[in-house]
PDB file of N, CA and C in Angstrom:
ATOM      1  N   MET A   1      12.658 -21.305  -3.126  1.00  0.00           N
ATOM      2  CA  MET A   1      12.502 -20.317  -2.045  1.00  0.00           C
ATOM      3  C   MET A   1      11.905 -21.179  -0.924  1.00  0.00           C
ATOM      4  N   PRO A   2      12.622 -20.756   0.259  1.00  0.00           N
ATOM      5  CA  PRO A   2      12.208 -21.364   1.639  1.00  0.00           C
ATOM      6  C   PRO A   2      10.783 -20.783   2.402  1.00  0.00           C
ATOM      7  N   SER A   3      10.366 -21.535   3.074  1.00  0.00           N
ATOM      8  CA  SER A   3       8.796 -20.821   3.775  1.00  0.00           C
ATOM      9  C   SER A   3       9.605 -19.744   4.466  1.00  0.00           C
ATOM     10  N   LEU A   4       8.795 -18.744   4.722  1.00  0.00           N
ATOM     11  CA  LEU A   4       9.020 -17.670   5.454  1.00  0.00           C
ATOM     12  C   LEU A   4       7.992 -17.308   6.283  1.00  0.00           C
ATOM     13  N   HIS A   5       8.219 -16.895   7.746  1.00  0.00           N
ATOM     14  CA  HIS A   5       7.053 -16.389   8.735  1.00  0.00           C
ATOM     15  C   HIS A   5       7.062 -15.156   8.555  1.00  0.00           C
ATOM     16  N   ILE A   6       5.429 -14.452   8.096  1.00  0.00           N
ATOM     17  CA  ILE A   6       5.895 -13.197   7.668  1.00  0.00           C
ATOM     18  C   ILE A   6       4.277 -12.609   8.582  1.00  0.00           C
ATOM     19  N   LEU A   7       4.721 -11.465   8.954  1.00  0.00           N
ATOM     20  CA  LEU A   7       3.960 -10.613  10.239  1.00  0.00           C
ATOM     21  C   LEU A   7       2.802  -9.693   8.938  1.00  0.00           C
ATOM     22  N   VAL A   8       1.909  -9.981   8.996  1.00  0.00           N
ATOM     23  CA  VAL A   8       1.021  -9.016   7.998  1.00  0.00           C
ATOM     24  C   VAL A   8       0.469  -7.824   8.996  1.00  0.00           C
ATOM     25  N   ALA A   9       0.677  -6.929   8.362  1.00  0.00           N
ATOM     26  CA  ALA A   9       0.214  -5.409   9.113  1.00  0.00           C
ATOM     27  C   ALA A   9      -0.482  -4.566   8.423  1.00  0.00           C
ATOM     28  N   GLY A  10      -1.485  -4.562   9.113  1.00  0.00           N
ATOM     29  CA  GLY A  10      -2.291  -3.178   8.046  1.00  0.00           C
ATOM     30  C   GLY A  10      -3.534  -2.606   9.097  1.00  0.00           C
ATOM     31  N   PRO A  11      -4.355  -1.811   8.789  1.00  0.00           N
ATOM     32  CA  PRO A  11      -5.048  -1.177   9.861  1.00  0.00           C
ATOM     33  C   PRO A  11      -5.833  -2.074  10.527  1.00  0.00           C
ATOM     34  N   TYR A  12      -6.253  -1.752  11.957  1.00  0.00           N
ATOM     35  CA  TYR A  12      -7.039  -2.534  12.784  1.00  0.00           C
ATOM     36  C   TYR A  12      -8.306  -1.327  12.993  1.00  0.00           C
ATOM     37  N   ARG A  13      -7.533  -0.431  13.718  1.00  0.00           N
ATOM     38  CA  ARG A  13      -8.765   0.520  14.283  1.00  0.00           C
ATOM     39  C   ARG A  13      -8.815   1.982  13.211  1.00  0.00           C
ATOM     40  N   SER A  14      -7.723   2.139  12.748  1.00  0.00           N
ATOM     41  CA  SER A  14      -7.396   3.326  11.726  1.00  0.00           C
ATOM     42  C   SER A  14      -8.474   3.647  10.882  1.00  0.00           C
ATOM     43  N   GLY A  15      -8.937   4.877  10.912  1.00  0.00           N
ATOM     44  CA  GLY A  15     -10.177   5.286   9.741  1.00  0.00           C
ATOM     45  C   GLY A  15     -11.362   4.433  10.233  1.00  0.00           C
ATOM     46  N   THR A  16     -11.690   3.749  11.541  1.00  0.00           N
ATOM     47  CA  THR A  16     -12.855   3.067  11.808  1.00  0.00           C
ATOM     48  C   THR A  16     -13.596   3.828  12.734  1.00  0.00           C
ATOM     49  N   ASN A  17     -12.960   4.831  13.562  1.00  0.00           N
ATOM     50  CA  ASN A  17     -13.833   5.227  14.624  1.00  0.00           C
ATOM     51  C   ASN A  17     -14.381   4.421  15.343  1.00  0.00           C
ATOM     52  N   ASP A  18     -13.608   3.290  15.511  1.00  0.00           N
ATOM     53  CA  ASP A  18     -14.006   2.123  16.580  1.00  0.00           C
ATOM     54  C   ASP A  18     -14.986   1.161  16.195  1.00  0.00           C
ATOM     55  N   ASP A  19     -15.828   1.522  14.968  1.00  0.00           N
ATOM     56  CA  ASP A  19     -16.645   0.840  14.685  1.00  0.00           C
ATOM     57  C   ASP A  19     -16.426  -0.766  14.002  1.00  0.00           C
ATOM     58  N   PRO A  20     -17.005  -1.714  15.191  1.00  0.00           N
ATOM     59  CA  PRO A  20     -16.517  -2.767  14.779  1.00  0.00           C
ATOM     60  C   PRO A  20     -16.945  -3.562  13.642  1.00  0.00           C
ATOM     61  N   VAL A  21     -17.871  -3.131  12.701  1.00  0.00           N
ATOM     62  CA  VAL A  21     -18.200  -3.563  11.238  1.00  0.00           C
ATOM     63  C   VAL A  21     -16.746  -3.008  10.697  1.00  0.00           C
ATOM     64  N   LEU A  22     -16.224  -1.898  10.721  1.00  0.00           N
ATOM     65  CA  LEU A  22     -15.165  -1.344   9.771  1.00  0.00           C
ATOM     66  C   LEU A  22     -13.763  -1.861  10.456  1.00  0.00           C
ATOM     67  N   ILE A  23     -13.784  -2.249  11.544  1.00  0.00           N
ATOM     68  CA  ILE A  23     -12.604  -3.173  12.194  1.00  0.00           C
ATOM     69  C   ILE A  23     -12.531  -4.589  11.575  1.00  0.00           C
ATOM     70  N   GLN A  24     -13.771  -4.900  11.221  1.00  0.00           N
ATOM     71  CA  GLN A  24     -13.760  -6.462  10.979  1.00  0.00           C
ATOM     72  C   GLN A  24     -13.458  -6.394   9.632  1.00  0.00           C
ATOM     73  N   LYS A  25     -13.687  -5.519   8.875  1.00  0.00           N
ATOM     74  CA  LYS A  25     -13.152  -5.568   7.591  1.00  0.00           C
ATOM     75  C   LYS A  25     -11.847  -5.505   7.312  1.00  0.00           C
ATOM     76  N   ASN A  26     -10.954  -4.648   8.348  1.00  0.00           N
ATOM     77  CA  ASN A  26     -10.055  -4.738   8.176  1.00  0.00           C
ATOM     78  C   ASN A  26      -9.186  -5.976   8.725  1.00  0.00           C
ATOM     79  N   VAL A  27      -9.775  -6.601   9.619  1.00  0.00           N
ATOM     80  CA  VAL A  27      -9.061  -7.883  10.066  1.00  0.00           C
ATOM     81  C   VAL A  27      -9.599  -8.813   8.769  1.00  0.00           C
ATOM     82  N   ASP A  28     -10.488  -8.633   8.402  1.00  0.00           N
ATOM     83  CA  ASP A  28     -10.922  -9.581   6.997  1.00  0.00           C
ATOM     84  C   ASP A  28      -9.981  -9.505   5.972  1.00  0.00           C
ATOM     85  N   ALA A  29      -9.229  -8.223   5.587  1.00  0.00           N
ATOM     86  CA  ALA A  29      -8.439  -7.633   4.877  1.00  0.00           C
ATOM     87  C   ALA A  29      -7.084  -8.120   4.916  1.00  0.00           C
ATOM     88  N   MET A  30      -6.451  -8.311   6.534  1.00  0.00           N
ATOM     89  CA  MET A  30      -5.561  -8.957   6.855  1.00  0.00           C
ATOM     90  C   MET A  30      -5.539 -10.761   6.913  1.00  0.00           C
ATOM     91  N   THR A  31      -6.624 -11.058   7.087  1.00  0.00           N
ATOM     92  CA  THR A  31      -6.918 -12.440   7.095  1.00  0.00           C
ATOM     93  C   THR A  31      -6.801 -13.063   5.686  1.00  0.00           C
ATOM     94  N   GLU A  32      -7.618 -12.524   4.818  1.00  0.00           N
ATOM     95  CA  GLU A  32      -7.333 -12.713   3.414  1.00  0.00           C
ATOM     96  C   GLU A  32      -5.740 -12.828   2.932  1.00  0.00           C
ATOM     97  N   ALA A  33      -4.942 -11.837   3.357  1.00  0.00           N
ATOM     98  CA  ALA A  33      -3.703 -11.920   2.755  1.00  0.00           C
ATOM     99  C   ALA A  33      -3.049 -13.081   3.357  1.00  0.00           C
ATOM    100  N   SER A  34      -3.586 -13.062   4.855  1.00  0.00           N
ATOM    101  CA  SER A  34      -2.686 -14.594   5.375  1.00  0.00           C
ATOM    102  C   SER A  34      -2.855 -15.488   4.600  1.00  0.00           C
ATOM    103  N   LEU A  35      -4.165 -15.498   4.402  1.00  0.00           N
ATOM    104  CA  LEU A  35      -4.558 -16.983   3.722  1.00  0.00           C
ATOM    105  C   LEU A  35      -3.664 -17.286   2.575  1.00  0.00           C
ATOM    106  N   GLN A  36      -3.586 -16.163   1.586  1.00  0.00           N
ATOM    107  CA  GLN A  36      -2.734 -15.980   0.280  1.00  0.00           C
ATOM    108  C   GLN A  36      -1.506 -16.213   0.964  1.00  0.00           C
ATOM    109  N   LEU A  37      -0.703 -16.084   1.717  1.00  0.00           N
ATOM    110  CA  LEU A  37       0.531 -16.554   2.534  1.00  0.00           C
ATOM    111  C   LEU A  37       0.644 -17.710   2.321  1.00  0.00           C
ATOM    112  N   PHE A  38      -0.165 -18.539   3.072  1.00  0.00           N
ATOM    113  CA  PHE A  38      -0.047 -19.640   3.701  1.00  0.00           C
ATOM    114  C   PHE A  38      -0.408 -20.478   2.192  1.00  0.00           C
ATOM    115  N   ARG A  39      -1.445 -20.496   1.346  1.00  0.00           N
ATOM    116  CA  ARG A  39      -1.205 -20.874  -0.041  1.00  0.00           C
ATOM    117  C   ARG A  39      -0.060 -21.183  -0.810  1.00  0.00           C
ATOM    118  N   ALA A  40       0.879 -19.658  -0.519  1.00  0.00           N
ATOM    119  CA  ALA A  40       1.970 -19.750  -1.294  1.00  0.00           C
ATOM    120  C   ALA A  40       3.240 -20.395  -0.744  1.00  0.00           C
ATOM    121  N   GLY A  41       3.204 -21.065   0.548  1.00  0.00           N
ATOM    122  CA  GLY A  41       3.679 -21.925   1.142  1.00  0.00           C
ATOM    123  C   GLY A  41       4.517 -21.167   2.389  1.00  0.00           C
ATOM    124  N   HIS A  42       3.893 -20.283   2.871  1.00  0.00           N
ATOM    125  CA  HIS A  42       4.520 -19.323   3.808  1.00  0.00           C
ATOM    126  C   HIS A  42       3.786 -19.815   5.112  1.00  0.00           C
ATOM    127  N   LEU A  43       4.240 -19.201   6.225  1.00  0.00           N
ATOM    128  CA  LEU A  43       3.582 -19.087   7.606  1.00  0.00           C
ATOM    129  C   LEU A  43       3.336 -17.484   7.894  1.00  0.00           C
ATOM    130  N   PRO A  44       2.307 -17.165   7.712  1.00  0.00           N
ATOM    131  CA  PRO A  44       1.740 -15.876   8.010  1.00  0.00           C
ATOM    132  C   PRO A  44       1.192 -15.929   9.624  1.00  0.00           C
ATOM    133  N   VAL A  45       1.386 -14.776   9.883  1.00  0.00           N
ATOM    134  CA  VAL A  45       0.896 -14.511  11.257  1.00  0.00           C
ATOM    135  C   VAL A  45       0.396 -12.817  11.322  1.00  0.00           C
ATOM    136  N   MET A  46      -0.542 -12.903  12.121  1.00  0.00           N
ATOM    137  CA  MET A  46      -0.991 -11.374  12.481  1.00  0.00           C
ATOM    138  C   MET A  46      -0.814 -11.303  14.099  1.00  0.00           C
ATOM    139  N   GLY A  47      -0.916  -9.916  14.580  1.00  0.00           N
ATOM    140  CA  GLY A  47      -0.727  -9.906  16.054  1.00  0.00           C
ATOM    141  C   GLY A  47      -1.929  -9.732  16.538  1.00  0.00           C
ATOM    142  N   GLU A  48      -2.969  -9.642  16.048  1.00  0.00           N
ATOM    143  CA  GLU A  48      -4.290 -10.019  16.391  1.00  0.00           C
ATOM    144  C   GLU A  48      -4.598 -11.496  16.762  1.00  0.00           C
ATOM    145  N   TRP A  49      -3.941 -12.054  15.978  1.00  0.00           N
ATOM    146  CA  TRP A  49      -4.395 -13.482  16.609  1.00  0.00           C
ATOM    147  C   TRP A  49      -3.939 -13.747  17.593  1.00  0.00           C
ATOM    148  N   TYR A  50      -2.984 -13.088  18.291  1.00  0.00           N
ATOM    149  CA  TYR A  50      -2.125 -13.452  19.304  1.00  0.00           C
ATOM    150  C   TYR A  50      -2.787 -12.394  20.854  1.00  0.00           C
ATOM    151  N   ALA A  51      -2.981 -11.384  20.117  1.00  0.00           N
ATOM    152  CA  ALA A  51      -3.535 -10.198  21.101  1.00  0.00           C
ATOM    153  C   ALA A  51      -4.701 -10.025  21.515  1.00  0.00           C
ATOM    154  N   LEU A  52      -5.674 -10.163  20.593  1.00  0.00           N
ATOM    155  CA  LEU A  52      -7.063 -10.261  20.845  1.00  0.00           C
ATOM    156  C   LEU A  52      -7.713 -11.044  22.204  1.00  0.00           C
ATOM    157  N   PRO A  53      -7.467 -12.746  21.851  1.00  0.00           N
ATOM    158  CA  PRO A  53      -7.565 -13.619  22.733  1.00  0.00           C
ATOM    159  C   PRO A  53      -7.105 -13.150  24.434  1.00  0.00           C
ATOM    160  N   LEU A  54      -5.736 -12.838  24.550  1.00  0.00           N
ATOM    161  CA  LEU A  54      -5.237 -12.262  25.816  1.00  0.00           C
ATOM    162  C   LEU A  54      -5.950 -11.105  26.287  1.00  0.00           C
ATOM    163  N   ILE A  55      -6.339 -10.041  25.281  1.00  0.00           N
ATOM    164  CA  ILE A  55      -6.905  -8.561  25.616  1.00  0.00           C
ATOM    165  C   ILE A  55      -8.424  -9.239  26.191  1.00  0.00           C
ATOM    166  N   GLU A  56      -8.800  -9.861  25.870  1.00  0.00           N
ATOM    167  CA  GLU A  56     -10.480 -10.491  26.427  1.00  0.00           C
ATOM    168  C   GLU A  56     -10.114 -11.046  27.624  1.00  0.00           C
ATOM    169  N   HIS A  57      -9.245 -12.299  27.893  1.00  0.00           N
ATOM    170  CA  HIS A  57      -8.800 -12.708  28.761  1.00  0.00           C
ATOM    171  C   HIS A  57      -8.247 -11.754  29.759  1.00  0.00           C
ATOM    172  N   GLY A  58      -7.482 -10.877  29.581  1.00  0.00           N
ATOM    173  CA  GLY A  58      -7.122  -9.949  30.495  1.00  0.00           C
ATOM    174  C   GLY A  58      -8.094  -8.981  31.057  1.00  0.00           C
ATOM    175  N   GLY A  59      -9.549  -8.844  30.644  1.00  0.00           N
ATOM    176  CA  GLY A  59     -10.399  -8.188  31.178  1.00  0.00           C
ATOM    177  C   GLY A  59     -10.778  -6.918  30.520  1.00  0.00           C
ATOM    178  N   SER A  60     -10.242  -6.905  29.530  1.00  0.00           N
ATOM    179  CA  SER A  60     -10.240  -5.671  28.782  1.00  0.00           C
ATOM    180  C   SER A  60     -12.091  -5.053  28.373  1.00  0.00           C
ATOM    181  N   THR A  61     -12.316  -4.137  28.854  1.00  0.00           N
ATOM    182  CA  THR A  61     -14.130  -3.852  28.772  1.00  0.00           C
ATOM    183  C   THR A  61     -14.236  -2.782  27.564  1.00  0.00           C
ATOM    184  N   GLY A  62     -13.178  -2.331  26.792  1.00  0.00           N
ATOM    185  CA  GLY A  62     -13.067  -1.915  25.485  1.00  0.00           C
ATOM    186  C   GLY A  62     -12.000  -1.719  24.550  1.00  0.00           C
ATOM    187  N   ILE A  63     -12.021  -1.462  23.288  1.00  0.00           N
ATOM    188  CA  ILE A  63     -10.902  -0.870  22.771  1.00  0.00           C
ATOM    189  C   ILE A  63     -10.371   0.080  23.417  1.00  0.00           C
ATOM    190  N   GLY A  64      -8.821   0.463  23.316  1.00  0.00           N
ATOM    191  CA  GLY A  64      -8.239   1.579  23.839  1.00  0.00           C
ATOM    192  C   GLY A  64      -8.132   1.431  25.442  1.00  0.00           C
ATOM    193  N   ASP A  65      -9.054   0.604  26.179  1.00  0.00           N
ATOM    194  CA  ASP A  65      -8.910   0.737  27.518  1.00  0.00           C
ATOM    195  C   ASP A  65      -7.518   0.330  27.871  1.00  0.00           C
ATOM    196  N   PRO A  66      -6.887   0.597  29.361  1.00  0.00           N
ATOM    197  CA  PRO A  66      -5.360  -0.070  29.687  1.00  0.00           C
ATOM    198  C   PRO A  66      -5.037  -1.400  29.381  1.00  0.00           C
ATOM    199  N   VAL A  67      -6.085  -2.315  29.613  1.00  0.00           N
ATOM    200  CA  VAL A  67      -5.564  -3.721  29.207  1.00  0.00           C
ATOM    201  C   VAL A  67      -5.453  -3.785  27.568  1.00  0.00           C
ATOM    202  N   PHE A  68      -6.276  -3.450  26.788  1.00  0.00           N
ATOM    203  CA  PHE A  68      -6.196  -3.382  25.365  1.00  0.00           C
ATOM    204  C   PHE A  68      -4.724  -2.822  24.980  1.00  0.00           C
ATOM    205  N   ASN A  69      -4.514  -1.501  25.374  1.00  0.00           N
ATOM    206  CA  ASN A  69      -3.100  -0.868  25.219  1.00  0.00           C
ATOM    207  C   ASN A  69      -1.733  -1.522  25.636  1.00  0.00           C
ATOM    208  N   GLU A  70      -2.232  -2.015  26.825  1.00  0.00           N
ATOM    209  CA  GLU A  70      -0.885  -3.097  27.644  1.00  0.00           C
ATOM    210  C   GLU A  70      -0.691  -4.190  26.297  1.00  0.00           C
ATOM    211  N   ILE A  71      -1.657  -4.652  25.574  1.00  0.00           N
ATOM    212  CA  ILE A  71      -1.299  -5.942  24.868  1.00  0.00           C
ATOM    213  C   ILE A  71      -1.164  -5.773  23.522  1.00  0.00           C
ATOM    214  N   PHE A  72      -2.155  -5.025  23.031  1.00  0.00           N
ATOM    215  CA  PHE A  72      -2.242  -5.179  21.477  1.00  0.00           C
ATOM    216  C   PHE A  72      -0.973  -4.722  20.647  1.00  0.00           C
ATOM    217  N   HIS A  73      -0.387  -3.717  20.570  1.00  0.00           N
ATOM    218  CA  HIS A  73       0.763  -3.095  20.000  1.00  0.00           C
ATOM    219  C   HIS A  73       2.318  -3.943  20.445  1.00  0.00           C
ATOM    220  N   PRO A  74       2.045  -4.067  21.461  1.00  0.00           N
ATOM    221  CA  PRO A  74       3.456  -5.038  22.034  1.00  0.00           C
ATOM    222  C   PRO A  74       3.554  -6.475  21.825  1.00  0.00           C
ATOM    223  N   ILE A  75       2.542  -6.837  21.134  1.00  0.00           N
ATOM    224  CA  ILE A  75       2.078  -8.498  20.847  1.00  0.00           C
ATOM    225  C   ILE A  75       3.090  -8.302  19.672  1.00  0.00           C
ATOM    226  N   SER A  76       2.641  -7.189  18.594  1.00  0.00           N
ATOM    227  CA  SER A  76       2.985  -7.267  17.350  1.00  0.00           C
ATOM    228  C   SER A  76       4.618  -6.904  17.166  1.00  0.00           C
ATOM    229  N   ARG A  77       4.845  -5.859  18.404  1.00  0.00           N
ATOM    230  CA  ARG A  77       6.651  -5.847  18.370  1.00  0.00           C
ATOM    231  C   ARG A  77       7.368  -6.890  18.871  1.00  0.00           C
ATOM    232  N   ARG A  78       6.917  -7.627  19.432  1.00  0.00           N
ATOM    233  CA  ARG A  78       7.352  -8.702  19.672  1.00  0.00           C
ATOM    234  C   ARG A  78       7.369  -9.755  18.880  1.00  0.00           C
ATOM    235  N   LEU A  79       6.241  -9.811  17.992  1.00  0.00           N
ATOM    236  CA  LEU A  79       6.172 -10.720  16.962  1.00  0.00           C
ATOM    237  C   LEU A  79       7.102 -10.525  15.734  1.00  0.00           C
ATOM    238  N   VAL A  80       7.267  -8.925  15.501  1.00  0.00           N
ATOM    239  CA  VAL A  80       8.141  -8.738  14.005  1.00  0.00           C
ATOM    240  C   VAL A  80       9.396  -9.350  14.258  1.00  0.00           C
ATOM    241  N   ALA A  81      10.053  -9.002  15.504  1.00  0.00           N
ATOM    242  CA  ALA A  81      11.581  -9.285  15.986  1.00  0.00           C
ATOM    243  C   ALA A  81      11.737 -10.884  15.274  1.00  0.00           C
ATOM    244  N   LYS A  82      10.640 -11.765  15.556  1.00  0.00           N
ATOM    245  CA  LYS A  82      10.621 -13.199  15.461  1.00  0.00           C
ATOM    246  C   LYS A  82      10.187 -13.445  13.922  1.00  0.00           C
ATOM    247  N   CYS A  83       9.551 -12.916  13.218  1.00  0.00           N
ATOM    248  CA  CYS A  83       9.420 -13.291  11.656  1.00  0.00           C
ATOM    249  C   CYS A  83      10.515 -12.738  10.888  1.00  0.00           C
ATOM    250  N   ASP A  84      10.431 -13.584   9.800  1.00  0.00           N
ATOM    251  CA  ASP A  84      11.291 -13.018   8.472  1.00  0.00           C
ATOM    252  C   ASP A  84      11.318 -11.844   7.630  1.00  0.00           C
ATOM    253  N   GLY A  85       9.888 -11.742   7.905  1.00  0.00           N
ATOM    254  CA  GLY A  85       9.689 -10.243   7.013  1.00  0.00           C
ATOM    255  C   GLY A  85       8.136  -9.472   7.933  1.00  0.00           C
ATOM    256  N   CYS A  86       7.732  -8.507   6.936  1.00  0.00           N
ATOM    257  CA  CYS A  86       6.534  -8.085   7.158  1.00  0.00           C
ATOM    258  C   CYS A  86       5.839  -7.511   5.964  1.00  0.00           C
ATOM    259  N   LEU A  87       4.869  -7.727   5.664  1.00  0.00           N
ATOM    260  CA  LEU A  87       3.711  -7.494   4.500  1.00  0.00           C
ATOM    261  C   LEU A  87       3.011  -6.802   5.240  1.00  0.00           C
ATOM    262  N   ARG A  88       2.975  -5.076   4.606  1.00  0.00           N
ATOM    263  CA  ARG A  88       1.975  -4.064   4.956  1.00  0.00           C
ATOM    264  C   ARG A  88       1.079  -4.050   3.865  1.00  0.00           C
ATOM    265  N   ILE A  89      -0.209  -3.995   4.398  1.00  0.00           N
ATOM    266  CA  ILE A  89      -1.540  -3.935   3.496  1.00  0.00           C
ATOM    267  C   ILE A  89      -1.997  -2.769   4.057  1.00  0.00           C
ATOM    268  N   GLY A  90      -3.172  -2.360   3.418  1.00  0.00           N
ATOM    269  CA  GLY A  90      -4.365  -1.574   3.408  1.00  0.00           C
ATOM    270  C   GLY A  90      -3.663  -0.074   3.788  1.00  0.00           C
ATOM    271  N   GLY A  91      -4.381   0.791   3.994  1.00  0.00           N
ATOM    272  CA  GLY A  91      -4.643   2.183   4.086  1.00  0.00           C
ATOM    273  C   GLY A  91      -3.567   2.666   5.349  1.00  0.00           C
ATOM    274  N   PRO A  92      -3.965   3.912   5.462  1.00  0.00           N
ATOM    275  CA  PRO A  92      -3.079   4.827   6.489  1.00  0.00           C
ATOM    276  C   PRO A  92      -3.083   3.805   7.900  1.00  0.00           C
ATOM    277  N   SER A  93      -2.315   3.857   8.291  1.00  0.00           N
ATOM    278  CA  SER A  93      -2.150   3.037   9.995  1.00  0.00           C
ATOM    279  C   SER A  93      -1.034   3.468  10.513  1.00  0.00           C
ATOM    280  N   ALA A  94      -0.641   3.970  11.514  1.00  0.00           N
ATOM    281  CA  ALA A  94       0.409   4.328  12.314  1.00  0.00           C
ATOM    282  C   ALA A  94       0.988   3.077  12.950  1.00  0.00           C
ATOM    283  N   GLY A  95      -0.010   1.962  13.402  1.00  0.00           N
ATOM    284  CA  GLY A  95       0.504   1.003  14.014  1.00  0.00           C
ATOM    285  C   GLY A  95       1.137   0.248  13.062  1.00  0.00           C
ATOM    286  N   ALA A  96       0.697  -0.287  11.961  1.00  0.00           N
ATOM    287  CA  ALA A  96       1.146  -0.929  10.969  1.00  0.00           C
ATOM    288  C   ALA A  96       2.607  -0.449  10.190  1.00  0.00           C
ATOM    289  N   ASP A  97       2.564   0.849  10.025  1.00  0.00           N
ATOM    290  CA  ASP A  97       3.813   1.591   9.877  1.00  0.00           C
ATOM    291  C   ASP A  97       4.844   1.434  10.774  1.00  0.00           C
ATOM    292  N   GLU A  98       4.364   1.523  12.193  1.00  0.00           N
ATOM    293  CA  GLU A  98       5.740   1.068  13.108  1.00  0.00           C
ATOM    294  C   GLU A  98       6.367  -0.039  13.213  1.00  0.00           C
ATOM    295  N   MET A  99       5.171  -1.451  12.696  1.00  0.00           N
ATOM    296  CA  MET A  99       5.891  -2.639  12.408  1.00  0.00           C
ATOM    297  C   MET A  99       6.739  -2.514  11.271  1.00  0.00           C
ATOM    298  N   VAL A 100       6.761  -1.657  10.243  1.00  0.00           N
ATOM    299  CA  VAL A 100       7.534  -1.827   9.078  1.00  0.00           C
ATOM    300  C   VAL A 100       8.753  -1.225   9.437  1.00  0.00           C
ATOM    301  N   ALA A 101       8.899  -0.433  10.133  1.00  0.00           N
ATOM    302  CA  ALA A 101       9.758   0.836  10.647  1.00  0.00           C
ATOM    303  C   ALA A 101      10.880  -0.269  11.511  1.00  0.00           C
ATOM    304  N   LEU A 102       9.854  -1.173  12.284  1.00  0.00           N
ATOM    305  CA  LEU A 102      10.688  -2.061  13.688  1.00  0.00           C
ATOM    306  C   LEU A 102      11.161  -3.329  12.696  1.00  0.00           C
ATOM    307  N   ALA A 103      10.487  -4.094  11.490  1.00  0.00           N
ATOM    308  CA  ALA A 103      11.079  -4.842  10.989  1.00  0.00           C
ATOM    309  C   ALA A 103      12.323  -4.639  10.103  1.00  0.00           C
ATOM    310  N   ARG A 104      12.161  -3.355   9.893  1.00  0.00           N
ATOM    311  CA  ARG A 104      13.515  -2.890   8.903  1.00  0.00           C
ATOM    312  C   ARG A 104      14.664  -2.403   9.948  1.00  0.00           C
ATOM    313  N   GLU A 105      14.510  -2.478  11.236  1.00  0.00           N
ATOM    314  CA  GLU A 105      15.418  -2.163  12.314  1.00  0.00           C
ATOM    315  C   GLU A 105      15.804  -3.463  12.631  1.00  0.00           C
ATOM    316  N   HIS A 106      15.073  -4.539  12.561  1.00  0.00           N
ATOM    317  CA  HIS A 106      15.671  -5.642  12.490  1.00  0.00           C
ATOM    318  C   HIS A 106      16.451  -6.541  11.744  1.00  0.00           C
ATOM    319  N   GLY A 107      16.476  -5.679  10.720  1.00  0.00           N
ATOM    320  CA  GLY A 107      17.084  -6.295   8.972  1.00  0.00           C
ATOM    321  C   GLY A 107      16.272  -7.445   8.505  1.00  0.00           C
ATOM    322  N   LYS A 108      14.710  -7.172   8.822  1.00  0.00           N
ATOM    323  CA  LYS A 108      13.978  -8.225   7.980  1.00  0.00           C
ATOM    324  C   LYS A 108      13.308  -7.571   6.746  1.00  0.00           C
ATOM    325  N   ALA A 109      12.890  -8.450   6.033  1.00  0.00           N
ATOM    326  CA  ALA A 109      12.266  -7.994   4.704  1.00  0.00           C
ATOM    327  C   ALA A 109      10.863  -7.468   4.620  1.00  0.00           C
ATOM    328  N   VAL A 110      10.682  -6.334   3.880  1.00  0.00           N
ATOM    329  CA  VAL A 110       9.675  -5.527   3.939  1.00  0.00           C
ATOM    330  C   VAL A 110       8.774  -5.532   2.515  1.00  0.00           C
ATOM    331  N   TYR A 111       7.520  -6.221   2.581  1.00  0.00           N
ATOM    332  CA  TYR A 111       6.799  -6.423   1.018  1.00  0.00           C
ATOM    333  C   TYR A 111       5.743  -5.241   1.397  1.00  0.00           C
ATOM    334  N   PHE A 112       5.360  -5.118   0.316  1.00  0.00           N
ATOM    335  CA  PHE A 112       3.984  -4.197   0.097  1.00  0.00           C
ATOM    336  C   PHE A 112       3.193  -4.641  -0.765  1.00  0.00           C
ATOM    337  N   SER A 113       3.275  -5.843  -0.960  1.00  0.00           N
ATOM    338  CA  SER A 113       2.507  -6.407  -2.464  1.00  0.00           C
ATOM    339  C   SER A 113       2.721  -7.921  -2.181  1.00  0.00           C
ATOM    340  N   LEU A 114       1.371  -8.732  -2.065  1.00  0.00           N
ATOM    341  CA  LEU A 114       1.844 -10.130  -2.207  1.00  0.00           C
ATOM    342  C   LEU A 114       2.696 -10.672  -3.177  1.00  0.00           C
ATOM    343  N   THR A 115       2.347  -9.893  -4.316  1.00  0.00           N
ATOM    344  CA  THR A 115       3.051 -10.401  -5.618  1.00  0.00           C
ATOM    345  C   THR A 115       4.466 -10.183  -5.586  1.00  0.00           C
ATOM    346  N   ASP A 116       4.901  -9.514  -4.351  1.00  0.00           N
ATOM    347  CA  ASP A 116       6.506  -9.108  -4.275  1.00  0.00           C
ATOM    348  C   ASP A 116       7.012 -10.431  -3.665  1.00  0.00           C
ATOM    349  N   ILE A 117       6.350 -11.206  -3.130  1.00  0.00           N
ATOM    350  CA  ILE A 117       6.510 -12.162  -2.412  1.00  0.00           C
ATOM    351  C   ILE A 117       6.851 -13.803  -3.138  1.00  0.00           C
ATOM    352  N   PRO A 118       7.891 -14.091  -3.319  1.00  0.00           N
ATOM    353  CA  PRO A 118       8.038 -15.557  -4.389  1.00  0.00           C
ATOM    354  C   PRO A 118       7.077 -16.824  -3.617  1.00  0.00           C
ATOM    355  N   ALA A 119       6.758 -17.772  -4.246  1.00  0.00           N
ATOM    356  CA  ALA A 119       6.031 -18.876  -3.315  1.00  0.00           C
ATOM    357  C   ALA A 119       7.113 -19.862  -3.076  1.00  0.00           C
ATOM    358  N   ALA A 120       6.937 -20.160  -1.835  1.00  0.00           N
ATOM    359  CA  ALA A 120       7.804 -21.107  -1.379  1.00  0.00           C
ATOM    360  C   ALA A 120       7.962 -22.304  -2.006  1.00  0.00           C
TER     361      ALA A 120
END
């Protein structure tokens, strides 16, 4: 199996009421999945890795403000088109479900479990 570039998509804000502790738990879950993908020989990516520094640099004053909305989901939309596949983790999330739909539209593999992705 060749190494794959895989977007990890999961809830960020969903179900958190924008509580930073709960958001961090969601990020931690995606980061853990990314680490496991890396250790299996793949190249993981999370939209948050690209978006959050740009959002901060762009002058966002808070989650959901115009700068945040300009960057957060558009980054992942662009990323999914460049990846070999998408790993969907976690609970309900309209944004993560959108990444799955976009991956399918682009003919990319979609996974719902790390065990579905063979080691590289």
